[in-house]
Amino acid sequence: MKTYWSAATGNKGEYLQTDLGNLSTVHAIQINYADQDAEFLGKQQGTYHQYKLWHSQDGKKWKMLVDKSQNKTDVPHDYIELAEPIKTRYLKLENIHMPTGKFAISGLRVFGKGNGSAPEAVKNFIVLRTEKDKRSAWLKWKAVDNAHAYNIHVGISPDKLYNCIMVHGSPEFYFKGMDKELPYYFTIEAINENGISTRIPVVTAK
């Protein structure tokens, strides 16, 4: 959120390339431009971004995925939902025109799924709620080997787990959002690029 990548110039032909790691099914892409050496900020009349987005299965043979080389609108956070999903591994964003500053990208987000296995269900999930301060609790669980993140679902009824907390890179979370007079209910699921695990049975914290 606080970092971005920048090319040396804003010239046509500058590009950013990424590797998804494996052949994946891509449904949509979002491009977030950054303001590196911009001469103006905010909305301006007559500004526009132009680019080409390429894809490749082997990093050698490239095919056009999106062509906005004739675009005349300001799209600092362009979202492209593909008419049909594609299977690919490499993506390359080629600059054609920047309205100001250098060709800089704060996010190249790819929406889709990998072709591997979804993570296994989380095990040993516990909620440690003390009598001293029942507004807070430590949530702990056994790390899942192929999980990139976890979704913790929480609510005041087992069938109303409306709040969701995503946790990255840690098998624990300190939760501080409870009413001290109410019981709370939790479940958790593991996430990776291939899918989401099954949720564990609901755990009660009284």
Protein backbone atom coordinates (compact mmCIF):
# COMPACT_ATOMS: atom_id res chain seq x y z
CA MET A 1 0.00 0.00 0.00
CA LYS A 2 2.89 2.38 0.73
CA THR A 3 5.33 1.29 -1.98
CA TYR A 4 5.45 1.43 -5.77
CA TRP A 5 7.70 0.60 -8.70
CA SER A 6 8.96 3.21 -11.15
CA ALA A 7 10.67 3.05 -14.52
CA ALA A 8 13.52 5.43 -15.28
CA THR A 9 11.29 7.49 -17.62
CA GLY A 10 7.72 7.92 -18.74
CA ASN A 11 8.62 7.02 -22.32
CA LYS A 12 6.78 4.65 -24.60
CA GLY A 13 8.19 1.14 -24.32
CA GLU A 14 8.95 1.14 -20.58
CA TYR A 15 7.43 -2.01 -19.09
CA LEU A 16 6.77 -4.00 -15.94
CA GLN A 17 6.75 -7.81 -16.08
CA THR A 18 5.56 -10.29 -13.47
CA ASP A 19 5.62 -14.06 -13.01
CA LEU A 20 2.59 -15.72 -11.38
CA GLY A 21 4.81 -18.66 -10.44
CA ASN A 22 2.75 -21.29 -12.22
CA LEU A 23 0.26 -21.57 -15.04
CA SER A 24 -2.89 -19.95 -13.64
CA THR A 25 -6.43 -19.12 -14.70
CA VAL A 26 -6.81 -15.33 -14.90
CA HIS A 27 -10.25 -13.69 -14.81
CA ALA A 28 -9.46 -10.01 -14.28
CA ILE A 29 -6.63 -7.52 -13.80
CA GLN A 30 -6.35 -4.15 -12.10
CA ILE A 31 -3.63 -1.60 -12.81
CA ASN A 32 -2.89 1.06 -10.18
CA TYR A 33 -0.66 3.90 -11.37
CA ALA A 34 1.60 5.84 -8.98
CA ASP A 35 2.55 9.52 -9.09
CA GLN A 36 6.32 9.52 -9.61
CA ASP A 37 7.61 12.97 -10.58
CA ALA A 38 4.09 14.03 -11.50
CA GLU A 39 3.78 17.68 -12.49
CA PHE A 40 0.20 17.82 -11.22
CA LEU A 41 -1.95 15.81 -8.82
CA GLY A 42 -5.66 15.02 -8.78
CA LYS A 43 -8.20 15.18 -11.59
CA GLN A 44 -7.27 17.24 -14.65
CA GLN A 45 -8.99 17.76 -17.98
CA GLY A 46 -7.55 16.05 -21.04
CA THR A 47 -5.30 13.57 -19.22
CA TYR A 48 -5.14 9.91 -20.19
CA HIS A 49 -3.16 6.69 -19.84
CA GLN A 50 -2.31 4.39 -22.71
CA TYR A 51 -0.82 0.92 -22.40
CA LYS A 52 -0.67 -2.61 -23.77
CA LEU A 53 -0.97 -5.67 -21.57
CA TRP A 54 0.66 -8.88 -22.83
CA HIS A 55 0.59 -12.43 -21.53
CA SER A 56 2.72 -15.54 -22.03
CA GLN A 57 2.77 -19.13 -20.83
CA ASP A 58 6.55 -19.49 -21.15
CA GLY A 59 7.92 -15.93 -20.89
CA LYS A 60 9.11 -16.05 -24.54
CA LYS A 61 6.07 -16.06 -26.81
CA TRP A 62 3.78 -13.13 -25.99
CA LYS A 63 0.16 -12.51 -26.93
CA MET A 64 -1.84 -9.32 -26.64
CA LEU A 65 -4.32 -9.46 -23.78
CA VAL A 66 -5.51 -5.83 -23.53
CA ASP A 67 -4.81 -3.04 -26.01
CA LYS A 68 -5.46 0.47 -24.70
CA SER A 69 -2.96 2.19 -26.95
CA GLN A 70 -5.76 4.41 -28.29
CA ASN A 71 -7.38 5.16 -24.95
CA LYS A 72 -8.20 8.85 -24.30
CA THR A 73 -9.55 8.65 -20.76
CA ASP A 74 -7.92 9.03 -17.35
CA VAL A 75 -7.63 5.50 -15.87
CA PRO A 76 -5.28 5.70 -12.85
CA HIS A 77 -6.89 2.56 -11.38
CA ASP A 78 -8.01 0.65 -14.45
CA TYR A 79 -9.93 -2.61 -13.88
CA ILE A 80 -10.27 -5.07 -16.75
CA GLU A 81 -12.58 -8.07 -16.46
CA LEU A 82 -11.79 -10.53 -19.25
CA ALA A 83 -14.64 -11.72 -21.46
CA GLU A 84 -13.20 -15.24 -21.17
CA PRO A 85 -10.67 -16.47 -18.57
CA ILE A 86 -7.20 -17.29 -19.88
CA LYS A 87 -4.52 -19.71 -18.72
CA THR A 88 -1.19 -17.95 -18.44
CA ARG A 89 1.86 -17.45 -16.23
CA TYR A 90 3.58 -14.21 -17.25
CA LEU A 91 2.10 -10.72 -17.62
CA LYS A 92 3.80 -7.67 -19.09
CA LEU A 93 2.46 -4.13 -18.84
CA GLU A 94 3.94 -1.92 -21.58
CA ASN A 95 3.69 1.85 -21.35
CA ILE A 96 2.44 3.80 -24.37
CA HIS A 97 1.60 7.15 -22.79
CA MET A 98 1.66 8.70 -19.32
CA PRO A 99 -0.23 11.93 -18.61
CA THR A 100 2.63 13.15 -16.41
CA GLY A 101 5.75 11.93 -14.64
CA LYS A 102 7.42 8.56 -14.97
CA PHE A 103 5.82 5.21 -15.77
CA ALA A 104 5.15 4.09 -12.19
CA ILE A 105 2.91 1.34 -10.83
CA SER A 106 1.71 0.90 -7.25
CA GLY A 107 -0.27 -2.26 -8.00
CA LEU A 108 -0.67 -4.88 -10.71
CA ARG A 109 -3.42 -7.05 -9.26
CA VAL A 110 -4.34 -10.34 -10.89
CA PHE A 111 -7.65 -12.03 -10.05
CA GLY A 112 -7.94 -15.76 -10.66
CA LYS A 113 -6.80 -19.15 -9.43
CA GLY A 114 -3.78 -21.38 -9.70
CA ASN A 115 -3.98 -24.98 -10.81
CA GLY A 116 -2.72 -26.58 -7.60
CA SER A 117 -4.51 -27.73 -4.47
CA ALA A 118 -6.42 -25.54 -2.06
CA PRO A 119 -5.00 -25.57 1.49
CA GLU A 120 -6.09 -28.07 4.11
CA ALA A 121 -8.44 -27.03 6.89
CA VAL A 122 -6.93 -25.24 9.89
CA LYS A 123 -6.21 -27.37 12.98
CA ASN A 124 -5.83 -26.61 16.70
CA PHE A 125 -7.74 -23.31 16.57
CA ILE A 126 -8.20 -21.86 20.06
CA VAL A 127 -9.62 -18.63 21.47
CA LEU A 128 -8.06 -17.37 24.72
CA ARG A 129 -10.47 -14.90 26.32
CA THR A 130 -9.52 -13.86 29.85
CA GLU A 131 -11.83 -12.84 32.67
CA LYS A 132 -9.72 -9.71 33.28
CA ASP A 133 -10.58 -8.08 29.94
CA LYS A 134 -13.26 -9.93 28.01
CA ARG A 135 -13.16 -7.36 25.21
CA SER A 136 -9.97 -8.96 23.87
CA ALA A 137 -8.73 -12.46 23.02
CA TRP A 138 -5.72 -14.23 21.55
CA LEU A 139 -6.63 -16.41 18.59
CA LYS A 140 -4.08 -19.12 17.80
CA TRP A 141 -3.89 -22.07 15.41
CA LYS A 142 -1.48 -24.47 13.74
CA ALA A 143 0.03 -22.99 10.58
CA VAL A 144 -1.04 -24.63 7.32
CA ASP A 145 1.97 -25.41 5.11
CA ASN A 146 0.59 -24.18 1.78
CA ALA A 147 -1.56 -21.31 3.08
CA HIS A 148 -0.73 -17.69 2.25
CA ALA A 149 -3.33 -16.16 4.58
CA TYR A 150 -6.29 -16.96 6.83
CA ASN A 151 -9.85 -15.64 7.07
CA ILE A 152 -11.23 -15.44 10.61
CA HIS A 153 -15.03 -15.14 10.68
CA VAL A 154 -16.54 -13.79 13.89
CA GLY A 155 -19.96 -12.77 15.16
CA ILE A 156 -22.37 -12.79 18.12
CA SER A 157 -24.30 -15.80 16.84
CA PRO A 158 -23.10 -19.05 15.21
CA ASP A 159 -25.19 -18.27 12.11
CA LYS A 160 -24.25 -14.57 11.97
CA LEU A 161 -20.50 -14.54 11.45
CA TYR A 162 -20.67 -11.28 9.51
CA ASN A 163 -17.22 -9.91 10.34
CA CYS A 164 -14.12 -11.23 8.58
CA ILE A 165 -10.47 -10.58 9.44
CA MET A 166 -7.69 -11.57 7.01
CA VAL A 167 -4.38 -12.49 8.65
CA HIS A 168 -1.15 -12.79 6.64
CA GLY A 169 2.03 -14.59 7.65
CA SER A 170 1.14 -15.54 11.22
CA PRO A 171 -0.77 -18.35 12.97
CA GLU A 172 -2.15 -15.98 15.62
CA PHE A 173 -4.13 -12.77 15.99
CA TYR A 174 -4.97 -10.47 18.90
CA PHE A 175 -8.65 -9.58 18.55
CA LYS A 176 -9.85 -6.45 20.39
CA GLY A 177 -13.37 -5.99 19.02
CA MET A 178 -15.67 -7.74 21.50
CA ASP A 179 -18.39 -6.54 23.84
CA LYS A 180 -17.47 -7.81 27.31
CA GLU A 181 -21.06 -8.84 28.07
CA LEU A 182 -21.63 -11.05 25.01
CA PRO A 183 -20.41 -14.46 23.87
CA TYR A 184 -18.63 -14.54 20.52
CA TYR A 185 -18.36 -17.21 17.88
CA PHE A 186 -15.41 -17.89 15.57
CA THR A 187 -14.40 -20.02 12.64
CA ILE A 188 -11.36 -19.89 10.34
CA GLU A 189 -10.33 -20.92 6.83
CA ALA A 190 -6.97 -21.05 5.05
CA ILE A 191 -6.31 -19.35 1.69
CA ASN A 192 -3.82 -19.72 -1.13
CA GLU A 193 -3.75 -18.93 -4.85
CA ASN A 194 -5.63 -22.15 -5.63
CA GLY A 195 -8.64 -21.69 -3.39
CA ILE A 196 -10.02 -21.70 0.14
CA SER A 197 -10.12 -24.53 2.65
CA THR A 198 -13.26 -25.72 4.40
CA ARG A 199 -14.15 -23.80 7.55
CA ILE A 200 -13.64 -25.47 10.88
CA PRO A 201 -16.60 -26.02 13.27
CA VAL A 202 -17.61 -22.84 15.09
CA VAL A 203 -15.72 -22.13 18.34
CA THR A 204 -17.49 -20.33 21.19
CA ALA A 205 -15.83 -17.74 23.46
CA LYS A 206 -18.03 -16.99 26.49
